[in-house]
Amino acid sequence: MVKMLGAALIVLAATLFGFAKARQFASRPAQIRHLILALKRLETEIMYGFTPLPDALQRIANQCSEPVKSLMEGAAGNMTPPLNWTAQQSLQHAIETGWKHTAMKSAEKDVMLQLGFTLGTSDRKNQIGHIATAIRQLESEEQAAREEQARYEKMSRSLGLLGGAFIVILLY
């Protein structure tokens, strides 16, 4: 009886691990899409709204869902008093502290950090160009994430269950 309970717990734990890994594969493209939409809103705010960067980031954060919302809020909050950080410092700090709560990988992080170097340091037209470049790069990362999801999501679920069964067979 105890052996059967132990075996069931092992299979259950391995299956849940497989499903958690599959959820990461599924949520990465969606989070990249939300980040792209946030950058498009930022582009619009800069081009047509003439909104100061901290206000634009806060406005965008209010329209986004997690985890992009916390990234934008963190960047906006650090640029306002009492900290008054630059856009680069603020965005970099928000990314470094909040990235672990996302399913996105280092490629997307690098795109955002590169954007942080140019955001707020040049004229409106130049910033729009840099945001558009970041959007294009993120769109290619989103396509790669969708291909990865199609390839590995179902496999992760199956391997979780099969790995648990294999461990049970080895132990008993």
N, C-alpha and C. Protein backbone atom coordinates (compact mmCIF):
# COMPACT_ATOMS: atom_id res chain seq x y z
N MET A 1 0.82 -1.20 0.00
CA MET A 1 0.00 0.00 0.00
C MET A 1 0.86 1.27 0.00
N VAL A 2 1.88 1.30 0.84
CA VAL A 2 2.76 2.47 0.91
C VAL A 2 3.55 2.60 -0.39
N LYS A 3 3.93 1.45 -0.95
CA LYS A 3 4.66 1.49 -2.23
C LYS A 3 3.79 2.09 -3.34
N MET A 4 2.54 1.69 -3.35
CA MET A 4 1.63 2.20 -4.38
C MET A 4 1.41 3.71 -4.22
N LEU A 5 1.29 4.15 -2.99
CA LEU A 5 1.13 5.58 -2.73
C LEU A 5 2.38 6.35 -3.15
N GLY A 6 3.54 5.81 -2.83
CA GLY A 6 4.80 6.44 -3.24
C GLY A 6 4.93 6.50 -4.75
N ALA A 7 4.57 5.41 -5.42
CA ALA A 7 4.63 5.37 -6.88
C ALA A 7 3.68 6.39 -7.49
N ALA A 8 2.48 6.48 -6.93
CA ALA A 8 1.51 7.45 -7.45
C ALA A 8 2.01 8.88 -7.25
N LEU A 9 2.63 9.14 -6.10
CA LEU A 9 3.16 10.49 -5.86
C LEU A 9 4.30 10.83 -6.80
N ILE A 10 5.15 9.86 -7.10
CA ILE A 10 6.26 10.10 -8.03
C ILE A 10 5.72 10.41 -9.43
N VAL A 11 4.77 9.61 -9.88
CA VAL A 11 4.18 9.84 -11.21
C VAL A 11 3.47 11.19 -11.25
N LEU A 12 2.74 11.51 -10.18
CA LEU A 12 2.04 12.78 -10.12
C LEU A 12 3.01 13.96 -10.16
N ALA A 13 4.07 13.88 -9.37
CA ALA A 13 5.06 14.98 -9.34
C ALA A 13 5.73 15.16 -10.69
N ALA A 14 6.11 14.08 -11.32
CA ALA A 14 6.76 14.18 -12.63
C ALA A 14 5.79 14.72 -13.69
N THR A 15 4.54 14.29 -13.61
CA THR A 15 3.54 14.78 -14.57
C THR A 15 3.29 16.27 -14.37
N LEU A 16 3.18 16.70 -13.13
CA LEU A 16 3.00 18.14 -12.86
C LEU A 16 4.20 18.95 -13.34
N PHE A 17 5.40 18.40 -13.19
CA PHE A 17 6.59 19.09 -13.69
C PHE A 17 6.52 19.23 -15.21
N GLY A 18 6.08 18.18 -15.89
CA GLY A 18 5.94 18.24 -17.35
C GLY A 18 4.91 19.27 -17.78
N PHE A 19 3.81 19.34 -17.05
CA PHE A 19 2.78 20.32 -17.38
C PHE A 19 3.26 21.75 -17.10
N ALA A 20 4.04 21.94 -16.04
CA ALA A 20 4.58 23.27 -15.74
C ALA A 20 5.55 23.71 -16.84
N LYS A 21 6.36 22.79 -17.30
CA LYS A 21 7.29 23.12 -18.38
C LYS A 21 6.53 23.44 -19.67
N ALA A 22 5.46 22.70 -19.93
CA ALA A 22 4.64 22.95 -21.12
C ALA A 22 3.98 24.33 -21.02
N ARG A 23 3.57 24.71 -19.81
CA ARG A 23 2.95 26.03 -19.62
C ARG A 23 3.96 27.14 -19.93
N GLN A 24 5.23 26.93 -19.60
CA GLN A 24 6.25 27.93 -19.94
C GLN A 24 6.38 28.08 -21.45
N PHE A 25 6.37 26.96 -22.15
CA PHE A 25 6.44 27.02 -23.62
C PHE A 25 5.24 27.75 -24.19
N ALA A 26 4.07 27.60 -23.56
CA ALA A 26 2.86 28.23 -24.06
C ALA A 26 2.79 29.72 -23.72
N SER A 27 3.30 30.10 -22.56
CA SER A 27 3.16 31.50 -22.14
C SER A 27 4.23 32.42 -22.73
N ARG A 28 5.35 31.89 -23.17
CA ARG A 28 6.40 32.75 -23.73
C ARG A 28 5.94 33.53 -24.95
N PRO A 29 5.33 32.90 -25.97
CA PRO A 29 4.88 33.70 -27.11
C PRO A 29 3.83 34.75 -26.74
N ALA A 30 2.95 34.42 -25.81
CA ALA A 30 1.93 35.38 -25.39
C ALA A 30 2.56 36.58 -24.68
N GLN A 31 3.55 36.33 -23.84
CA GLN A 31 4.20 37.43 -23.15
C GLN A 31 5.00 38.31 -24.11
N ILE A 32 5.63 37.69 -25.09
CA ILE A 32 6.35 38.48 -26.10
C ILE A 32 5.35 39.35 -26.87
N ARG A 33 4.19 38.80 -27.21
CA ARG A 33 3.16 39.56 -27.92
C ARG A 33 2.70 40.75 -27.08
N HIS A 34 2.53 40.54 -25.76
CA HIS A 34 2.12 41.64 -24.88
C HIS A 34 3.21 42.71 -24.82
N LEU A 35 4.46 42.29 -24.83
CA LEU A 35 5.56 43.25 -24.82
C LEU A 35 5.60 44.05 -26.12
N ILE A 36 5.34 43.39 -27.24
CA ILE A 36 5.30 44.07 -28.53
C ILE A 36 4.17 45.11 -28.54
N LEU A 37 3.02 44.72 -28.03
CA LEU A 37 1.89 45.66 -27.99
C LEU A 37 2.20 46.84 -27.08
N ALA A 38 2.88 46.59 -25.98
CA ALA A 38 3.27 47.69 -25.09
C ALA A 38 4.23 48.64 -25.78
N LEU A 39 5.17 48.10 -26.54
CA LEU A 39 6.11 48.96 -27.26
C LEU A 39 5.42 49.74 -28.37
N LYS A 40 4.43 49.14 -29.01
CA LYS A 40 3.66 49.88 -30.03
C LYS A 40 2.87 51.02 -29.40
N ARG A 41 2.35 50.78 -28.20
CA ARG A 41 1.66 51.86 -27.49
C ARG A 41 2.64 52.96 -27.11
N LEU A 42 3.84 52.56 -26.69
CA LEU A 42 4.86 53.55 -26.35
C LEU A 42 5.24 54.37 -27.57
N GLU A 43 5.35 53.71 -28.70
CA GLU A 43 5.65 54.39 -29.95
C GLU A 43 4.57 55.43 -30.26
N THR A 44 3.32 55.05 -30.07
CA THR A 44 2.21 55.97 -30.31
C THR A 44 2.23 57.13 -29.34
N GLU A 45 2.50 56.85 -28.06
CA GLU A 45 2.56 57.91 -27.05
C GLU A 45 3.66 58.91 -27.38
N ILE A 46 4.80 58.42 -27.81
CA ILE A 46 5.92 59.32 -28.12
C ILE A 46 5.63 60.12 -29.39
N MET A 47 5.08 59.45 -30.40
CA MET A 47 4.90 60.11 -31.68
C MET A 47 3.73 61.10 -31.68
N TYR A 48 2.60 60.69 -31.12
CA TYR A 48 1.42 61.52 -31.24
C TYR A 48 0.99 62.18 -29.94
N GLY A 49 1.33 61.57 -28.83
CA GLY A 49 0.85 62.08 -27.55
C GLY A 49 1.72 63.14 -26.93
N PHE A 50 2.97 63.23 -27.37
CA PHE A 50 3.92 64.18 -26.79
C PHE A 50 3.97 64.03 -25.27
N THR A 51 3.80 62.79 -24.80
CA THR A 51 3.74 62.51 -23.37
C THR A 51 5.15 62.30 -22.85
N PRO A 52 5.48 62.86 -21.68
CA PRO A 52 6.79 62.57 -21.08
C PRO A 52 6.94 61.06 -20.84
N LEU A 53 8.16 60.59 -20.94
CA LEU A 53 8.41 59.15 -20.89
C LEU A 53 7.88 58.48 -19.62
N PRO A 54 8.10 59.02 -18.42
CA PRO A 54 7.55 58.34 -17.24
C PRO A 54 6.02 58.23 -17.27
N ASP A 55 5.37 59.28 -17.72
CA ASP A 55 3.90 59.25 -17.80
C ASP A 55 3.43 58.25 -18.86
N ALA A 56 4.15 58.22 -19.98
CA ALA A 56 3.79 57.28 -21.04
C ALA A 56 3.95 55.84 -20.57
N LEU A 57 5.04 55.55 -19.88
CA LEU A 57 5.25 54.20 -19.38
C LEU A 57 4.20 53.81 -18.34
N GLN A 58 3.82 54.74 -17.49
CA GLN A 58 2.80 54.45 -16.49
C GLN A 58 1.44 54.23 -17.15
N ARG A 59 1.13 55.03 -18.15
CA ARG A 59 -0.13 54.88 -18.87
C ARG A 59 -0.19 53.52 -19.57
N ILE A 60 0.94 53.12 -20.15
CA ILE A 60 1.01 51.83 -20.83
C ILE A 60 0.89 50.69 -19.81
N ALA A 61 1.54 50.85 -18.66
CA ALA A 61 1.46 49.81 -17.62
C ALA A 61 0.03 49.60 -17.17
N ASN A 62 -0.74 50.67 -17.10
CA ASN A 62 -2.14 50.55 -16.69
C ASN A 62 -2.98 49.77 -17.70
N GLN A 63 -2.52 49.70 -18.94
CA GLN A 63 -3.25 49.01 -19.99
C GLN A 63 -2.77 47.57 -20.20
N CYS A 64 -1.64 47.21 -19.60
CA CYS A 64 -1.03 45.89 -19.82
C CYS A 64 -1.41 44.91 -18.74
N SER A 65 -1.13 43.65 -19.02
CA SER A 65 -1.31 42.60 -18.03
C SER A 65 0.08 42.17 -17.54
N GLU A 66 0.08 41.43 -16.44
CA GLU A 66 1.34 40.95 -15.88
C GLU A 66 1.97 39.97 -16.84
N PRO A 67 3.26 39.85 -16.92
CA PRO A 67 4.33 40.51 -16.19
C PRO A 67 4.83 41.79 -16.85
N VAL A 68 4.30 42.11 -18.03
CA VAL A 68 4.72 43.33 -18.73
C VAL A 68 4.33 44.56 -17.91
N LYS A 69 3.21 44.49 -17.24
CA LYS A 69 2.74 45.61 -16.43
C LYS A 69 3.77 45.97 -15.36
N SER A 70 4.30 44.99 -14.66
CA SER A 70 5.26 45.29 -13.60
C SER A 70 6.57 45.83 -14.16
N LEU A 71 6.97 45.38 -15.35
CA LEU A 71 8.18 45.93 -15.98
C LEU A 71 8.00 47.41 -16.30
N MET A 72 6.86 47.75 -16.90
CA MET A 72 6.60 49.14 -17.26
C MET A 72 6.41 50.02 -16.02
N GLU A 73 5.70 49.51 -15.03
CA GLU A 73 5.51 50.29 -13.79
C GLU A 73 6.83 50.53 -13.08
N GLY A 74 7.68 49.51 -13.06
CA GLY A 74 8.99 49.66 -12.43
C GLY A 74 9.83 50.70 -13.13
N ALA A 75 9.81 50.68 -14.46
CA ALA A 75 10.58 51.67 -15.22
C ALA A 75 10.03 53.08 -15.00
N ALA A 76 8.72 53.22 -15.00
CA ALA A 76 8.10 54.54 -14.82
C ALA A 76 8.34 55.05 -13.41
N GLY A 77 8.23 54.18 -12.43
CA GLY A 77 8.39 54.60 -11.04
C GLY A 77 9.79 55.08 -10.70
N ASN A 78 10.79 54.49 -11.32
CA ASN A 78 12.16 54.89 -11.03
C ASN A 78 12.54 56.22 -11.69
N MET A 79 11.79 56.62 -12.71
CA MET A 79 12.11 57.88 -13.39
C MET A 79 11.48 59.09 -12.72
N THR A 80 10.58 58.85 -11.78
CA THR A 80 9.91 59.96 -11.10
C THR A 80 10.60 60.26 -9.77
N PRO A 81 10.34 61.43 -9.20
CA PRO A 81 10.95 61.75 -7.91
C PRO A 81 10.55 60.73 -6.85
N PRO A 82 11.36 60.41 -5.93
CA PRO A 82 12.63 61.01 -5.53
C PRO A 82 13.84 60.44 -6.25
N LEU A 83 13.68 59.33 -7.01
CA LEU A 83 14.85 58.70 -7.63
C LEU A 83 15.37 59.48 -8.83
N ASN A 84 14.47 59.88 -9.74
CA ASN A 84 14.84 60.63 -10.94
C ASN A 84 15.94 59.95 -11.75
N TRP A 85 15.83 58.64 -11.93
CA TRP A 85 16.80 57.91 -12.73
C TRP A 85 16.61 58.22 -14.20
N THR A 86 17.64 57.96 -15.00
CA THR A 86 17.51 58.10 -16.44
C THR A 86 16.66 56.94 -16.96
N ALA A 87 16.22 57.07 -18.20
CA ALA A 87 15.41 56.01 -18.80
C ALA A 87 16.20 54.71 -18.88
N GLN A 88 17.48 54.80 -19.20
CA GLN A 88 18.32 53.61 -19.30
C GLN A 88 18.44 52.92 -17.94
N GLN A 89 18.77 53.69 -16.90
CA GLN A 89 18.92 53.11 -15.57
C GLN A 89 17.61 52.50 -15.10
N SER A 90 16.54 53.21 -15.31
CA SER A 90 15.24 52.78 -14.84
C SER A 90 14.78 51.51 -15.54
N LEU A 91 14.87 51.49 -16.86
CA LEU A 91 14.44 50.32 -17.61
C LEU A 91 15.33 49.12 -17.30
N GLN A 92 16.62 49.35 -17.19
CA GLN A 92 17.54 48.27 -16.88
C GLN A 92 17.23 47.68 -15.50
N HIS A 93 16.99 48.52 -14.52
CA HIS A 93 16.68 48.03 -13.18
C HIS A 93 15.36 47.27 -13.17
N ALA A 94 14.37 47.78 -13.87
CA ALA A 94 13.07 47.10 -13.93
C ALA A 94 13.19 45.74 -14.59
N ILE A 95 14.00 45.66 -15.63
CA ILE A 95 14.19 44.39 -16.33
C ILE A 95 14.97 43.41 -15.46
N GLU A 96 16.03 43.88 -14.83
CA GLU A 96 16.85 42.99 -14.01
C GLU A 96 16.06 42.44 -12.82
N THR A 97 15.19 43.24 -12.23
CA THR A 97 14.44 42.77 -11.07
C THR A 97 13.18 41.99 -11.45
N GLY A 98 12.57 42.30 -12.57
CA GLY A 98 11.30 41.68 -12.91
C GLY A 98 11.36 40.56 -13.93
N TRP A 99 12.49 40.37 -14.58
CA TRP A 99 12.57 39.41 -15.67
C TRP A 99 12.37 37.97 -15.19
N LYS A 100 12.77 37.69 -13.96
CA LYS A 100 12.64 36.31 -13.45
C LYS A 100 11.18 35.89 -13.30
N HIS A 101 10.27 36.83 -13.34
CA HIS A 101 8.85 36.52 -13.22
C HIS A 101 8.18 36.32 -14.57
N THR A 102 8.98 36.33 -15.63
CA THR A 102 8.45 36.14 -16.97
C THR A 102 8.86 34.77 -17.50
N ALA A 103 8.25 34.36 -18.59
CA ALA A 103 8.64 33.13 -19.27
C ALA A 103 9.57 33.44 -20.44
N MET A 104 9.90 34.72 -20.61
CA MET A 104 10.75 35.12 -21.73
C MET A 104 12.20 34.76 -21.46
N LYS A 105 12.95 34.65 -22.54
CA LYS A 105 14.36 34.24 -22.45
C LYS A 105 15.28 35.44 -22.59
N SER A 106 16.56 35.15 -22.60
CA SER A 106 17.57 36.21 -22.61
C SER A 106 17.57 37.00 -23.93
N ALA A 107 17.12 36.41 -25.03
CA ALA A 107 17.09 37.15 -26.30
C ALA A 107 16.16 38.35 -26.21
N GLU A 108 14.99 38.15 -25.62
CA GLU A 108 14.05 39.25 -25.45
C GLU A 108 14.58 40.26 -24.44
N LYS A 109 15.24 39.77 -23.42
CA LYS A 109 15.83 40.65 -22.41
C LYS A 109 16.89 41.54 -23.05
N ASP A 110 17.71 40.97 -23.92
CA ASP A 110 18.75 41.75 -24.60
C ASP A 110 18.15 42.83 -25.49
N VAL A 111 17.05 42.51 -26.16
CA VAL A 111 16.38 43.51 -27.01
C VAL A 111 15.91 44.68 -26.15
N MET A 112 15.30 44.36 -25.02
CA MET A 112 14.80 45.43 -24.14
C MET A 112 15.94 46.25 -23.52
N LEU A 113 17.02 45.59 -23.17
CA LEU A 113 18.16 46.33 -22.61
C LEU A 113 18.78 47.25 -23.66
N GLN A 114 18.86 46.77 -24.91
CA GLN A 114 19.37 47.62 -25.99
C GLN A 114 18.46 48.82 -26.22
N LEU A 115 17.16 48.59 -26.12
CA LEU A 115 16.22 49.70 -26.27
C LEU A 115 16.43 50.71 -25.15
N GLY A 116 16.71 50.22 -23.95
CA GLY A 116 16.93 51.11 -22.82
C GLY A 116 18.11 52.05 -23.02
N PHE A 117 19.11 51.61 -23.77
CA PHE A 117 20.27 52.47 -24.02
C PHE A 117 19.92 53.69 -24.87
N THR A 118 18.91 53.55 -25.71
CA THR A 118 18.58 54.64 -26.63
C THR A 118 17.33 55.42 -26.23
N LEU A 119 16.52 54.83 -25.36
CA LEU A 119 15.26 55.46 -24.98
C LEU A 119 15.52 56.70 -24.13
N GLY A 120 14.95 57.79 -24.53
CA GLY A 120 15.06 59.03 -23.77
C GLY A 120 16.33 59.82 -24.00
N THR A 121 17.20 59.36 -24.89
CA THR A 121 18.47 60.06 -25.10
C THR A 121 18.54 60.80 -26.42
N SER A 122 17.52 60.66 -27.25
CA SER A 122 17.58 61.29 -28.56
C SER A 122 16.22 61.93 -28.88
N ASP A 123 16.13 62.48 -30.08
CA ASP A 123 14.88 63.13 -30.46
C ASP A 123 13.78 62.10 -30.73
N ARG A 124 12.59 62.60 -30.91
CA ARG A 124 11.40 61.76 -31.07
C ARG A 124 11.53 60.80 -32.25
N LYS A 125 11.98 61.29 -33.38
CA LYS A 125 12.07 60.47 -34.58
C LYS A 125 13.05 59.32 -34.40
N ASN A 126 14.18 59.60 -33.76
CA ASN A 126 15.19 58.58 -33.53
C ASN A 126 14.66 57.51 -32.56
N GLN A 127 13.96 57.95 -31.53
CA GLN A 127 13.39 57.00 -30.57
C GLN A 127 12.37 56.09 -31.23
N ILE A 128 11.55 56.65 -32.10
CA ILE A 128 10.55 55.85 -32.82
C ILE A 128 11.26 54.79 -33.66
N GLY A 129 12.36 55.15 -34.28
CA GLY A 129 13.13 54.19 -35.08
C GLY A 129 13.68 53.06 -34.23
N HIS A 130 14.19 53.39 -33.05
CA HIS A 130 14.73 52.36 -32.16
C HIS A 130 13.62 51.46 -31.62
N ILE A 131 12.48 52.03 -31.31
CA ILE A 131 11.36 51.21 -30.84
C ILE A 131 10.88 50.29 -31.96
N ALA A 132 10.81 50.80 -33.18
CA ALA A 132 10.40 49.97 -34.32
C ALA A 132 11.38 48.82 -34.54
N THR A 133 12.66 49.08 -34.38
CA THR A 133 13.67 48.02 -34.51
C THR A 133 13.47 46.97 -33.42
N ALA A 134 13.23 47.41 -32.20
CA ALA A 134 12.99 46.48 -31.10
C ALA A 134 11.74 45.64 -31.36
N ILE A 135 10.72 46.26 -31.90
CA ILE A 135 9.48 45.53 -32.21
C ILE A 135 9.75 44.46 -33.26
N ARG A 136 10.50 44.79 -34.29
CA ARG A 136 10.82 43.80 -35.33
C ARG A 136 11.62 42.63 -34.75
N GLN A 137 12.58 42.94 -33.89
CA GLN A 137 13.37 41.88 -33.27
C GLN A 137 12.49 40.99 -32.38
N LEU A 138 11.60 41.62 -31.63
CA LEU A 138 10.71 40.83 -30.76
C LEU A 138 9.72 40.00 -31.58
N GLU A 139 9.30 40.51 -32.73
CA GLU A 139 8.41 39.74 -33.58
C GLU A 139 9.10 38.49 -34.10
N SER A 140 10.39 38.59 -34.45
CA SER A 140 11.11 37.39 -34.89
C SER A 140 11.31 36.43 -33.72
N GLU A 141 11.52 36.95 -32.52
CA GLU A 141 11.63 36.09 -31.34
C GLU A 141 10.29 35.42 -31.03
N GLU A 142 9.21 36.14 -31.27
CA GLU A 142 7.89 35.56 -31.05
C GLU A 142 7.64 34.40 -32.01
N GLN A 143 8.05 34.58 -33.25
CA GLN A 143 7.89 33.50 -34.23
C GLN A 143 8.70 32.28 -33.81
N ALA A 144 9.93 32.50 -33.36
CA ALA A 144 10.75 31.38 -32.89
C ALA A 144 10.13 30.72 -31.66
N ALA A 145 9.53 31.52 -30.78
CA ALA A 145 8.88 30.97 -29.58
C ALA A 145 7.66 30.15 -29.95
N ARG A 146 6.93 30.59 -30.96
CA ARG A 146 5.77 29.81 -31.40
C ARG A 146 6.20 28.46 -32.00
N GLU A 147 7.28 28.48 -32.76
CA GLU A 147 7.80 27.23 -33.31
C GLU A 147 8.28 26.30 -32.20
N GLU A 148 8.94 26.88 -31.21
CA GLU A 148 9.40 26.10 -30.06
C GLU A 148 8.22 25.53 -29.29
N GLN A 149 7.18 26.32 -29.14
CA GLN A 149 5.98 25.86 -28.44
C GLN A 149 5.36 24.68 -29.19
N ALA A 150 5.23 24.80 -30.50
CA ALA A 150 4.63 23.72 -31.29
C ALA A 150 5.47 22.45 -31.19
N ARG A 151 6.76 22.60 -31.11
CA ARG A 151 7.66 21.46 -31.09
C ARG A 151 7.72 20.79 -29.72
N TYR A 152 7.74 21.58 -28.65
CA TYR A 152 8.07 21.02 -27.34
C TYR A 152 6.95 20.98 -26.31
N GLU A 153 5.85 21.67 -26.53
CA GLU A 153 4.81 21.73 -25.50
C GLU A 153 4.20 20.35 -25.22
N LYS A 154 3.75 19.68 -26.25
CA LYS A 154 3.13 18.37 -26.07
C LYS A 154 4.17 17.34 -25.59
N MET A 155 5.37 17.47 -26.10
CA MET A 155 6.43 16.55 -25.70
C MET A 155 6.74 16.69 -24.21
N SER A 156 6.72 17.89 -23.67
CA SER A 156 7.00 18.10 -22.25
C SER A 156 5.95 17.42 -21.38
N ARG A 157 4.71 17.53 -21.78
CA ARG A 157 3.65 16.85 -21.02
C ARG A 157 3.86 15.34 -21.01
N SER A 158 4.13 14.80 -22.19
CA SER A 158 4.30 13.36 -22.31
C SER A 158 5.53 12.88 -21.55
N LEU A 159 6.62 13.63 -21.67
CA LEU A 159 7.85 13.23 -20.98
C LEU A 159 7.72 13.30 -19.47
N GLY A 160 6.92 14.21 -18.98
CA GLY A 160 6.67 14.27 -17.53
C GLY A 160 6.04 12.99 -17.04
N LEU A 161 4.98 12.58 -17.70
CA LEU A 161 4.29 11.36 -17.32
C LEU A 161 5.18 10.14 -17.52
N LEU A 162 5.82 10.04 -18.68
CA LEU A 162 6.66 8.88 -18.96
C LEU A 162 7.89 8.84 -18.06
N GLY A 163 8.45 10.02 -17.74
CA GLY A 163 9.59 10.07 -16.83
C GLY A 163 9.21 9.59 -15.45
N GLY A 164 8.05 9.98 -14.98
CA GLY A 164 7.57 9.51 -13.68
C GLY A 164 7.37 8.00 -13.68
N ALA A 165 6.77 7.47 -14.75
CA ALA A 165 6.58 6.02 -14.85
C ALA A 165 7.92 5.30 -14.89
N PHE A 166 8.87 5.86 -15.60
CA PHE A 166 10.21 5.25 -15.70
C PHE A 166 10.89 5.21 -14.33
N ILE A 167 10.78 6.28 -13.57
CA ILE A 167 11.38 6.32 -12.22
C ILE A 167 10.72 5.26 -11.32
N VAL A 168 9.41 5.15 -11.43
CA VAL A 168 8.71 4.14 -10.63
C VAL A 168 9.17 2.73 -11.01
N ILE A 169 9.32 2.48 -12.28
CA ILE A 169 9.78 1.16 -12.74
C ILE A 169 11.20 0.89 -12.23
N LEU A 170 12.06 1.89 -12.28
CA LEU A 170 13.43 1.72 -11.78
C LEU A 170 13.47 1.44 -10.29
N LEU A 171 12.61 2.13 -9.55
CA LEU A 171 12.64 1.98 -8.09
C LEU A 171 12.01 0.67 -7.63
N TYR A 172 11.03 0.16 -8.35
CA TYR A 172 10.32 -1.03 -7.88
C TYR A 172 10.59 -2.16 -8.81
